[in-house]
Amino acid sequence: PALAEDKYTRGVIYKIDQKKMTVE
């Protein structure tokens, strides 16, 4: 980013449908 202060960190949970090859 233009400014280092714009960086952030997340904890995330993804749900993956392995048949449809999608991620939510």
mmCIF file of all heavy atoms, coordinates in Angstrom:
data_MODEL
# 
_entry.id   MODEL 
# 
loop_
_atom_site.group_PDB 
_atom_site.id 
_atom_site.type_symbol 
_atom_site.label_atom_id 
_atom_site.label_alt_id 
_atom_site.label_comp_id 
_atom_site.label_asym_id 
_atom_site.label_entity_id 
_atom_site.label_seq_id 
_atom_site.pdbx_PDB_ins_code 
_atom_site.Cartn_x 
_atom_site.Cartn_y 
_atom_site.Cartn_z 
_atom_site.occupancy 
_atom_site.B_iso_or_equiv 
_atom_site.pdbx_formal_charge 
_atom_site.auth_seq_id 
_atom_site.auth_comp_id 
_atom_site.auth_asym_id 
_atom_site.auth_atom_id 
_atom_site.pdbx_PDB_model_num 
ATOM 1   N N   . PRO A 1 1  ? 0.831   -1.214  0.000  1.00 0.00 ? 1  PRO A N   1 
ATOM 2   C CA  . PRO A 1 1  ? 0.000   0.000   0.000  1.00 0.00 ? 1  PRO A CA  1 
ATOM 3   C C   . PRO A 1 1  ? 0.862   1.259   0.000  1.00 0.00 ? 1  PRO A C   1 
ATOM 4   O O   . PRO A 1 1  ? 2.045   1.219   0.341  1.00 0.00 ? 1  PRO A O   1 
ATOM 5   C CB  . PRO A 1 1  ? -0.797  -0.132  1.303  1.00 0.00 ? 1  PRO A CB  1 
ATOM 6   C CG  . PRO A 1 1  ? 0.083   -0.959  2.192  1.00 0.00 ? 1  PRO A CG  1 
ATOM 7   C CD  . PRO A 1 1  ? 0.787   -1.924  1.279  1.00 0.00 ? 1  PRO A CD  1 
ATOM 8   N N   . ALA A 1 2  ? 0.256   2.365   -0.367 1.00 0.00 ? 2  ALA A N   1 
ATOM 9   C CA  . ALA A 1 2  ? 0.983   3.644   -0.383 1.00 0.00 ? 2  ALA A CA  1 
ATOM 10  C C   . ALA A 1 2  ? 1.497   3.996   1.002  1.00 0.00 ? 2  ALA A C   1 
ATOM 11  O O   . ALA A 1 2  ? 2.588   4.526   1.166  1.00 0.00 ? 2  ALA A O   1 
ATOM 12  C CB  . ALA A 1 2  ? 0.062   4.751   -0.907 1.00 0.00 ? 2  ALA A CB  1 
ATOM 13  N N   . LEU A 1 3  ? 0.699   3.678   2.025  1.00 0.00 ? 3  LEU A N   1 
ATOM 14  C CA  . LEU A 1 3  ? 1.097   3.940   3.410  1.00 0.00 ? 3  LEU A CA  1 
ATOM 15  C C   . LEU A 1 3  ? 1.160   2.621   4.168  1.00 0.00 ? 3  LEU A C   1 
ATOM 16  O O   . LEU A 1 3  ? 0.198   1.836   4.138  1.00 0.00 ? 3  LEU A O   1 
ATOM 17  C CB  . LEU A 1 3  ? 0.085   4.864   4.096  1.00 0.00 ? 3  LEU A CB  1 
ATOM 18  C CG  . LEU A 1 3  ? -0.088  6.265   3.500  1.00 0.00 ? 3  LEU A CG  1 
ATOM 19  C CD1 . LEU A 1 3  ? -1.237  6.993   4.187  1.00 0.00 ? 3  LEU A CD1 1 
ATOM 20  C CD2 . LEU A 1 3  ? 1.204   7.074   3.633  1.00 0.00 ? 3  LEU A CD2 1 
ATOM 21  N N   . ALA A 1 4  ? 2.273   2.379   4.864  1.00 0.00 ? 4  ALA A N   1 
ATOM 22  C CA  . ALA A 1 4  ? 2.415   1.142   5.641  1.00 0.00 ? 4  ALA A CA  1 
ATOM 23  C C   . ALA A 1 4  ? 1.302   1.016   6.674  1.00 0.00 ? 4  ALA A C   1 
ATOM 24  O O   . ALA A 1 4  ? 0.880   -0.089  7.025  1.00 0.00 ? 4  ALA A O   1 
ATOM 25  C CB  . ALA A 1 4  ? 3.778   1.114   6.328  1.00 0.00 ? 4  ALA A CB  1 
ATOM 26  N N   . GLU A 1 5  ? 0.797   2.159   7.163  1.00 0.00 ? 5  GLU A N   1 
ATOM 27  C CA  . GLU A 1 5  ? -0.246  2.155   8.191  1.00 0.00 ? 5  GLU A CA  1 
ATOM 28  C C   . GLU A 1 5  ? -1.575  1.610   7.675  1.00 0.00 ? 5  GLU A C   1 
ATOM 29  O O   . GLU A 1 5  ? -2.514  1.391   8.451  1.00 0.00 ? 5  GLU A O   1 
ATOM 30  C CB  . GLU A 1 5  ? -0.464  3.567   8.742  1.00 0.00 ? 5  GLU A CB  1 
ATOM 31  C CG  . GLU A 1 5  ? 0.705   4.124   9.545  1.00 0.00 ? 5  GLU A CG  1 
ATOM 32  C CD  . GLU A 1 5  ? 1.905   4.491   8.673  1.00 0.00 ? 5  GLU A CD  1 
ATOM 33  O OE1 . GLU A 1 5  ? 1.676   4.839   7.489  1.00 0.00 ? 5  GLU A OE1 1 
ATOM 34  O OE2 . GLU A 1 5  ? 3.046   4.414   9.160  1.00 0.00 ? 5  GLU A OE2 1 
ATOM 35  N N   . ASP A 1 6  ? -1.683  1.407   6.357  1.00 0.00 ? 6  ASP A N   1 
ATOM 36  C CA  . ASP A 1 6  ? -2.918  0.852   5.792  1.00 0.00 ? 6  ASP A CA  1 
ATOM 37  C C   . ASP A 1 6  ? -2.985  -0.672  5.925  1.00 0.00 ? 6  ASP A C   1 
ATOM 38  O O   . ASP A 1 6  ? -4.013  -1.281  5.630  1.00 0.00 ? 6  ASP A O   1 
ATOM 39  C CB  . ASP A 1 6  ? -3.052  1.235   4.309  1.00 0.00 ? 6  ASP A CB  1 
ATOM 40  C CG  . ASP A 1 6  ? -3.317  2.722   4.123  1.00 0.00 ? 6  ASP A CG  1 
ATOM 41  O OD1 . ASP A 1 6  ? -3.787  3.356   5.082  1.00 0.00 ? 6  ASP A OD1 1 
ATOM 42  O OD2 . ASP A 1 6  ? -3.043  3.242   3.020  1.00 0.00 ? 6  ASP A OD2 1 
ATOM 43  N N   . LYS A 1 7  ? -1.898  -1.288  6.348  1.00 0.00 ? 7  LYS A N   1 
ATOM 44  C CA  . LYS A 1 7  ? -1.866  -2.750  6.459  1.00 0.00 ? 7  LYS A CA  1 
ATOM 45  C C   . LYS A 1 7  ? -2.646  -3.217  7.688  1.00 0.00 ? 7  LYS A C   1 
ATOM 46  O O   . LYS A 1 7  ? -2.625  -2.568  8.730  1.00 0.00 ? 7  LYS A O   1 
ATOM 47  C CB  . LYS A 1 7  ? -0.428  -3.248  6.555  1.00 0.00 ? 7  LYS A CB  1 
ATOM 48  C CG  . LYS A 1 7  ? 0.415   -2.983  5.314  1.00 0.00 ? 7  LYS A CG  1 
ATOM 49  C CD  . LYS A 1 7  ? 1.818   -3.545  5.492  1.00 0.00 ? 7  LYS A CD  1 
ATOM 50  C CE  . LYS A 1 7  ? 2.691   -3.287  4.277  1.00 0.00 ? 7  LYS A CE  1 
ATOM 51  N NZ  . LYS A 1 7  ? 4.043   -3.887  4.424  1.00 0.00 ? 7  LYS A NZ  1 
ATOM 52  N N   . TYR A 1 8  ? -3.320  -4.360  7.544  1.00 0.00 ? 8  TYR A N   1 
ATOM 53  C CA  . TYR A 1 8  ? -4.051  -4.943  8.669  1.00 0.00 ? 8  TYR A CA  1 
ATOM 54  C C   . TYR A 1 8  ? -4.020  -6.467  8.561  1.00 0.00 ? 8  TYR A C   1 
ATOM 55  O O   . TYR A 1 8  ? -3.715  -7.038  7.511  1.00 0.00 ? 8  TYR A O   1 
ATOM 56  C CB  . TYR A 1 8  ? -5.495  -4.442  8.716  1.00 0.00 ? 8  TYR A CB  1 
ATOM 57  C CG  . TYR A 1 8  ? -6.288  -4.706  7.455  1.00 0.00 ? 8  TYR A CG  1 
ATOM 58  C CD1 . TYR A 1 8  ? -6.971  -5.902  7.269  1.00 0.00 ? 8  TYR A CD1 1 
ATOM 59  C CD2 . TYR A 1 8  ? -6.348  -3.741  6.440  1.00 0.00 ? 8  TYR A CD2 1 
ATOM 60  C CE1 . TYR A 1 8  ? -7.689  -6.144  6.107  1.00 0.00 ? 8  TYR A CE1 1 
ATOM 61  C CE2 . TYR A 1 8  ? -7.059  -3.969  5.274  1.00 0.00 ? 8  TYR A CE2 1 
ATOM 62  C CZ  . TYR A 1 8  ? -7.738  -5.173  5.113  1.00 0.00 ? 8  TYR A CZ  1 
ATOM 63  O OH  . TYR A 1 8  ? -8.436  -5.409  3.958  1.00 0.00 ? 8  TYR A OH  1 
ATOM 64  N N   . THR A 1 9  ? -4.341  -7.112  9.671  1.00 0.00 ? 9  THR A N   1 
ATOM 65  C CA  . THR A 1 9  ? -4.315  -8.571  9.779  1.00 0.00 ? 9  THR A CA  1 
ATOM 66  C C   . THR A 1 9  ? -5.704  -9.069  10.153 1.00 0.00 ? 9  THR A C   1 
ATOM 67  O O   . THR A 1 9  ? -6.418  -8.413  10.910 1.00 0.00 ? 9  THR A O   1 
ATOM 68  C CB  . THR A 1 9  ? -3.291  -8.984  10.855 1.00 0.00 ? 9  THR A CB  1 
ATOM 69  O OG1 . THR A 1 9  ? -1.973  -8.707  10.373 1.00 0.00 ? 9  THR A OG1 1 
ATOM 70  C CG2 . THR A 1 9  ? -3.396  -10.452 11.199 1.00 0.00 ? 9  THR A CG2 1 
ATOM 71  N N   . ARG A 1 10 ? -6.057  -10.254 9.640  1.00 0.00 ? 10 ARG A N   1 
ATOM 72  C CA  . ARG A 1 10 ? -7.378  -10.820 9.946  1.00 0.00 ? 10 ARG A CA  1 
ATOM 73  C C   . ARG A 1 10 ? -7.269  -12.252 10.473 1.00 0.00 ? 10 ARG A C   1 
ATOM 74  O O   . ARG A 1 10 ? -6.368  -12.996 10.109 1.00 0.00 ? 10 ARG A O   1 
ATOM 75  C CB  . ARG A 1 10 ? -8.253  -10.866 8.693  1.00 0.00 ? 10 ARG A CB  1 
ATOM 76  C CG  . ARG A 1 10 ? -8.444  -9.556  7.970  1.00 0.00 ? 10 ARG A CG  1 
ATOM 77  C CD  . ARG A 1 10 ? -9.420  -9.710  6.807  1.00 0.00 ? 10 ARG A CD  1 
ATOM 78  N NE  . ARG A 1 10 ? -8.971  -10.725 5.859  1.00 0.00 ? 10 ARG A NE  1 
ATOM 79  C CZ  . ARG A 1 10 ? -9.775  -11.409 5.033  1.00 0.00 ? 10 ARG A CZ  1 
ATOM 80  N NH1 . ARG A 1 10 ? -11.085 -11.183 5.048  1.00 0.00 ? 10 ARG A NH1 1 
ATOM 81  N NH2 . ARG A 1 10 ? -9.288  -12.296 4.192  1.00 0.00 ? 10 ARG A NH2 1 
ATOM 82  N N   . GLY A 1 11 ? -8.237  -12.621 11.299 1.00 0.00 ? 11 GLY A N   1 
ATOM 83  C CA  . GLY A 1 11 ? -8.551  -14.028 11.528 1.00 0.00 ? 11 GLY A CA  1 
ATOM 84  C C   . GLY A 1 11 ? -9.736  -14.322 10.630 1.00 0.00 ? 11 GLY A C   1 
ATOM 85  O O   . GLY A 1 11 ? -10.706 -13.543 10.603 1.00 0.00 ? 11 GLY A O   1 
ATOM 86  N N   . VAL A 1 12 ? -9.695  -15.418 9.865  1.00 0.00 ? 12 VAL A N   1 
ATOM 87  C CA  . VAL A 1 12 ? -10.727 -15.679 8.857  1.00 0.00 ? 12 VAL A CA  1 
ATOM 88  C C   . VAL A 1 12 ? -11.172 -17.139 8.917  1.00 0.00 ? 12 VAL A C   1 
ATOM 89  O O   . VAL A 1 12 ? -10.368 -18.029 9.208  1.00 0.00 ? 12 VAL A O   1 
ATOM 90  C CB  . VAL A 1 12 ? -10.200 -15.402 7.428  1.00 0.00 ? 12 VAL A CB  1 
ATOM 91  C CG1 . VAL A 1 12 ? -11.344 -15.380 6.423  1.00 0.00 ? 12 VAL A CG1 1 
ATOM 92  C CG2 . VAL A 1 12 ? -9.435  -14.108 7.360  1.00 0.00 ? 12 VAL A CG2 1 
ATOM 93  N N   . ILE A 1 13 ? -12.442 -17.371 8.628  1.00 0.00 ? 13 ILE A N   1 
ATOM 94  C CA  . ILE A 1 13 ? -12.929 -18.729 8.422  1.00 0.00 ? 13 ILE A CA  1 
ATOM 95  C C   . ILE A 1 13 ? -13.555 -18.805 7.031  1.00 0.00 ? 13 ILE A C   1 
ATOM 96  O O   . ILE A 1 13 ? -14.397 -17.975 6.664  1.00 0.00 ? 13 ILE A O   1 
ATOM 97  C CB  . ILE A 1 13 ? -13.960 -19.152 9.481  1.00 0.00 ? 13 ILE A CB  1 
ATOM 98  C CG1 . ILE A 1 13 ? -13.317 -19.137 10.872 1.00 0.00 ? 13 ILE A CG1 1 
ATOM 99  C CG2 . ILE A 1 13 ? -14.502 -20.555 9.173  1.00 0.00 ? 13 ILE A CG2 1 
ATOM 100 C CD1 . ILE A 1 13 ? -14.283 -19.447 12.001 1.00 0.00 ? 13 ILE A CD1 1 
ATOM 101 N N   . TYR A 1 14 ? -13.092 -19.773 6.260  1.00 0.00 ? 14 TYR A N   1 
ATOM 102 C CA  . TYR A 1 14 ? -13.623 -20.016 4.917  1.00 0.00 ? 14 TYR A CA  1 
ATOM 103 C C   . TYR A 1 14 ? -14.402 -21.340 4.906  1.00 0.00 ? 14 TYR A C   1 
ATOM 104 O O   . TYR A 1 14 ? -14.030 -22.291 5.596  1.00 0.00 ? 14 TYR A O   1 
ATOM 105 C CB  . TYR A 1 14 ? -12.493 -20.133 3.896  1.00 0.00 ? 14 TYR A CB  1 
ATOM 106 C CG  . TYR A 1 14 ? -11.683 -18.877 3.677  1.00 0.00 ? 14 TYR A CG  1 
ATOM 107 C CD1 . TYR A 1 14 ? -10.398 -18.764 4.218  1.00 0.00 ? 14 TYR A CD1 1 
ATOM 108 C CD2 . TYR A 1 14 ? -12.161 -17.821 2.917  1.00 0.00 ? 14 TYR A CD2 1 
ATOM 109 C CE1 . TYR A 1 14 ? -9.615  -17.634 4.002  1.00 0.00 ? 14 TYR A CE1 1 
ATOM 110 C CE2 . TYR A 1 14 ? -11.399 -16.683 2.695  1.00 0.00 ? 14 TYR A CE2 1 
ATOM 111 C CZ  . TYR A 1 14 ? -10.123 -16.598 3.244  1.00 0.00 ? 14 TYR A CZ  1 
ATOM 112 O OH  . TYR A 1 14 ? -9.357  -15.473 3.027  1.00 0.00 ? 14 TYR A OH  1 
ATOM 113 N N   . LYS A 1 15 ? -15.463 -21.368 4.108  1.00 0.00 ? 15 LYS A N   1 
ATOM 114 C CA  . LYS A 1 15 ? -16.240 -22.593 3.881  1.00 0.00 ? 15 LYS A CA  1 
ATOM 115 C C   . LYS A 1 15 ? -16.048 -23.001 2.426  1.00 0.00 ? 15 LYS A C   1 
ATOM 116 O O   . LYS A 1 15 ? -16.367 -22.236 1.507  1.00 0.00 ? 15 LYS A O   1 
ATOM 117 C CB  . LYS A 1 15 ? -17.724 -22.331 4.166  1.00 0.00 ? 15 LYS A CB  1 
ATOM 118 C CG  . LYS A 1 15 ? -18.632 -23.523 3.925  1.00 0.00 ? 15 LYS A CG  1 
ATOM 119 C CD  . LYS A 1 15 ? -20.091 -23.138 4.162  1.00 0.00 ? 15 LYS A CD  1 
ATOM 120 C CE  . LYS A 1 15 ? -21.038 -24.279 3.856  1.00 0.00 ? 15 LYS A CE  1 
ATOM 121 N NZ  . LYS A 1 15 ? -22.462 -23.866 4.036  1.00 0.00 ? 15 LYS A NZ  1 
ATOM 122 N N   . ILE A 1 16 ? -15.492 -24.179 2.217  1.00 0.00 ? 16 ILE A N   1 
ATOM 123 C CA  . ILE A 1 16 ? -15.151 -24.634 0.862  1.00 0.00 ? 16 ILE A CA  1 
ATOM 124 C C   . ILE A 1 16 ? -16.063 -25.779 0.438  1.00 0.00 ? 16 ILE A C   1 
ATOM 125 O O   . ILE A 1 16 ? -16.195 -26.778 1.157  1.00 0.00 ? 16 ILE A O   1 
ATOM 126 C CB  . ILE A 1 16 ? -13.673 -25.086 0.804  1.00 0.00 ? 16 ILE A CB  1 
ATOM 127 C CG1 . ILE A 1 16 ? -12.755 -23.886 1.087  1.00 0.00 ? 16 ILE A CG1 1 
ATOM 128 C CG2 . ILE A 1 16 ? -13.345 -25.717 -0.547 1.00 0.00 ? 16 ILE A CG2 1 
ATOM 129 C CD1 . ILE A 1 16 ? -11.319 -24.251 1.349  1.00 0.00 ? 16 ILE A CD1 1 
ATOM 130 N N   . ASP A 1 17 ? -16.719 -25.610 -0.693 1.00 0.00 ? 17 ASP A N   1 
ATOM 131 C CA  . ASP A 1 17 ? -17.518 -26.676 -1.301 1.00 0.00 ? 17 ASP A CA  1 
ATOM 132 C C   . ASP A 1 17 ? -16.610 -27.387 -2.302 1.00 0.00 ? 17 ASP A C   1 
ATOM 133 O O   . ASP A 1 17 ? -16.311 -26.841 -3.376 1.00 0.00 ? 17 ASP A O   1 
ATOM 134 C CB  . ASP A 1 17 ? -18.755 -26.088 -1.996 1.00 0.00 ? 17 ASP A CB  1 
ATOM 135 C CG  . ASP A 1 17 ? -19.707 -27.165 -2.511 1.00 0.00 ? 17 ASP A CG  1 
ATOM 136 O OD1 . ASP A 1 17 ? -19.213 -28.185 -3.041 1.00 0.00 ? 17 ASP A OD1 1 
ATOM 137 O OD2 . ASP A 1 17 ? -20.927 -26.982 -2.398 1.00 0.00 ? 17 ASP A OD2 1 
ATOM 138 N N   . GLN A 1 18 ? -16.165 -28.581 -1.931 1.00 0.00 ? 18 GLN A N   1 
ATOM 139 C CA  . GLN A 1 18 ? -15.161 -29.279 -2.747 1.00 0.00 ? 18 GLN A CA  1 
ATOM 140 C C   . GLN A 1 18 ? -15.730 -29.818 -4.060 1.00 0.00 ? 18 GLN A C   1 
ATOM 141 O O   . GLN A 1 18 ? -14.986 -30.043 -5.007 1.00 0.00 ? 18 GLN A O   1 
ATOM 142 C CB  . GLN A 1 18 ? -14.515 -30.411 -1.941 1.00 0.00 ? 18 GLN A CB  1 
ATOM 143 C CG  . GLN A 1 18 ? -13.803 -29.896 -0.700 1.00 0.00 ? 18 GLN A CG  1 
ATOM 144 C CD  . GLN A 1 18 ? -12.994 -30.969 0.001  1.00 0.00 ? 18 GLN A CD  1 
ATOM 145 O OE1 . GLN A 1 18 ? -11.775 -30.893 0.064  1.00 0.00 ? 18 GLN A OE1 1 
ATOM 146 N NE2 . GLN A 1 18 ? -13.666 -31.983 0.528  1.00 0.00 ? 18 GLN A NE2 1 
ATOM 147 N N   . LYS A 1 19 ? -17.033 -30.015 -4.114 1.00 0.00 ? 19 LYS A N   1 
ATOM 148 C CA  . LYS A 1 19 ? -17.655 -30.490 -5.362 1.00 0.00 ? 19 LYS A CA  1 
ATOM 149 C C   . LYS A 1 19 ? -17.826 -29.339 -6.354 1.00 0.00 ? 19 LYS A C   1 
ATOM 150 O O   . LYS A 1 19 ? -17.517 -29.469 -7.539 1.00 0.00 ? 19 LYS A O   1 
ATOM 151 C CB  . LYS A 1 19 ? -19.007 -31.150 -5.072 1.00 0.00 ? 19 LYS A CB  1 
ATOM 152 C CG  . LYS A 1 19 ? -18.886 -32.544 -4.465 1.00 0.00 ? 19 LYS A CG  1 
ATOM 153 C CD  . LYS A 1 19 ? -20.255 -33.199 -4.356 1.00 0.00 ? 19 LYS A CD  1 
ATOM 154 C CE  . LYS A 1 19 ? -20.135 -34.648 -3.909 1.00 0.00 ? 19 LYS A CE  1 
ATOM 155 N NZ  . LYS A 1 19 ? -21.475 -35.297 -3.769 1.00 0.00 ? 19 LYS A NZ  1 
ATOM 156 N N   . LYS A 1 20 ? -18.313 -28.209 -5.842 1.00 0.00 ? 20 LYS A N   1 
ATOM 157 C CA  . LYS A 1 20 ? -18.553 -27.056 -6.716 1.00 0.00 ? 20 LYS A CA  1 
ATOM 158 C C   . LYS A 1 20 ? -17.297 -26.217 -6.937 1.00 0.00 ? 20 LYS A C   1 
ATOM 159 O O   . LYS A 1 20 ? -17.295 -25.314 -7.772 1.00 0.00 ? 20 LYS A O   1 
ATOM 160 C CB  . LYS A 1 20 ? -19.662 -26.180 -6.136 1.00 0.00 ? 20 LYS A CB  1 
ATOM 161 C CG  . LYS A 1 20 ? -21.020 -26.865 -6.076 1.00 0.00 ? 20 LYS A CG  1 
ATOM 162 C CD  . LYS A 1 20 ? -22.072 -25.932 -5.480 1.00 0.00 ? 20 LYS A CD  1 
ATOM 163 C CE  . LYS A 1 20 ? -23.434 -26.592 -5.417 1.00 0.00 ? 20 LYS A CE  1 
ATOM 164 N NZ  . LYS A 1 20 ? -24.451 -25.716 -4.767 1.00 0.00 ? 20 LYS A NZ  1 
ATOM 165 N N   . MET A 1 21 ? -16.236 -26.495 -6.142 1.00 0.00 ? 21 MET A N   1 
ATOM 166 C CA  . MET A 1 21 ? -14.973 -25.747 -6.223 1.00 0.00 ? 21 MET A CA  1 
ATOM 167 C C   . MET A 1 21 ? -15.194 -24.263 -5.947 1.00 0.00 ? 21 MET A C   1 
ATOM 168 O O   . MET A 1 21 ? -14.694 -23.376 -6.634 1.00 0.00 ? 21 MET A O   1 
ATOM 169 C CB  . MET A 1 21 ? -14.304 -25.948 -7.589 1.00 0.00 ? 21 MET A CB  1 
ATOM 170 C CG  . MET A 1 21 ? -13.791 -27.362 -7.812 1.00 0.00 ? 21 MET A CG  1 
ATOM 171 S SD  . MET A 1 21 ? -12.345 -27.749 -6.782 1.00 0.00 ? 21 MET A SD  1 
ATOM 172 C CE  . MET A 1 21 ? -11.060 -26.855 -7.668 1.00 0.00 ? 21 MET A CE  1 
ATOM 173 N N   . THR A 1 22 ? -15.976 -24.000 -4.875 1.00 0.00 ? 22 THR A N   1 
ATOM 174 C CA  . THR A 1 22 ? -16.248 -22.626 -4.476 1.00 0.00 ? 22 THR A CA  1 
ATOM 175 C C   . THR A 1 22 ? -15.780 -22.391 -3.043 1.00 0.00 ? 22 THR A C   1 
ATOM 176 O O   . THR A 1 22 ? -15.614 -23.336 -2.268 1.00 0.00 ? 22 THR A O   1 
ATOM 177 C CB  . THR A 1 22 ? -17.751 -22.298 -4.560 1.00 0.00 ? 22 THR A CB  1 
ATOM 178 O OG1 . THR A 1 22 ? -18.478 -23.186 -3.701 1.00 0.00 ? 22 THR A OG1 1 
ATOM 179 C CG2 . THR A 1 22 ? -18.258 -22.424 -5.980 1.00 0.00 ? 22 THR A CG2 1 
ATOM 180 N N   . VAL A 1 23 ? -15.604 -21.120 -2.696 1.00 0.00 ? 23 VAL A N   1 
ATOM 181 C CA  . VAL A 1 23 ? -15.213 -20.756 -1.340 1.00 0.00 ? 23 VAL A CA  1 
ATOM 182 C C   . VAL A 1 23 ? -16.043 -19.561 -0.880 1.00 0.00 ? 23 VAL A C   1 
ATOM 183 O O   . VAL A 1 23 ? -16.226 -18.590 -1.615 1.00 0.00 ? 23 VAL A O   1 
ATOM 184 C CB  . VAL A 1 23 ? -13.699 -20.439 -1.238 1.00 0.00 ? 23 VAL A CB  1 
ATOM 185 C CG1 . VAL A 1 23 ? -13.300 -19.326 -2.202 1.00 0.00 ? 23 VAL A CG1 1 
ATOM 186 C CG2 . VAL A 1 23 ? -13.325 -20.060 0.195  1.00 0.00 ? 23 VAL A CG2 1 
ATOM 187 N N   . GLU A 1 24 ? -16.560 -19.662 0.346  1.00 0.00 ? 24 GLU A N   1 
ATOM 188 C CA  . GLU A 1 24 ? -17.326 -18.579 0.957  1.00 0.00 ? 24 GLU A CA  1 
ATOM 189 C C   . GLU A 1 24 ? -16.600 -18.135 2.221  1.00 0.00 ? 24 GLU A C   1 
ATOM 190 O O   . GLU A 1 24 ? -16.168 -18.973 3.023  1.00 0.00 ? 24 GLU A O   1 
ATOM 191 C CB  . GLU A 1 24 ? -18.739 -19.065 1.312  1.00 0.00 ? 24 GLU A CB  1 
ATOM 192 C CG  . GLU A 1 24 ? -19.595 -18.031 2.010  1.00 0.00 ? 24 GLU A CG  1 
ATOM 193 C CD  . GLU A 1 24 ? -20.887 -18.614 2.576  1.00 0.00 ? 24 GLU A CD  1 
ATOM 194 O OE1 . GLU A 1 24 ? -21.199 -19.786 2.284  1.00 0.00 ? 24 GLU A OE1 1 
ATOM 195 O OE2 . GLU A 1 24 ? -21.563 -17.892 3.341  1.00 0.00 ? 24 GLU A OE2 1 
# 
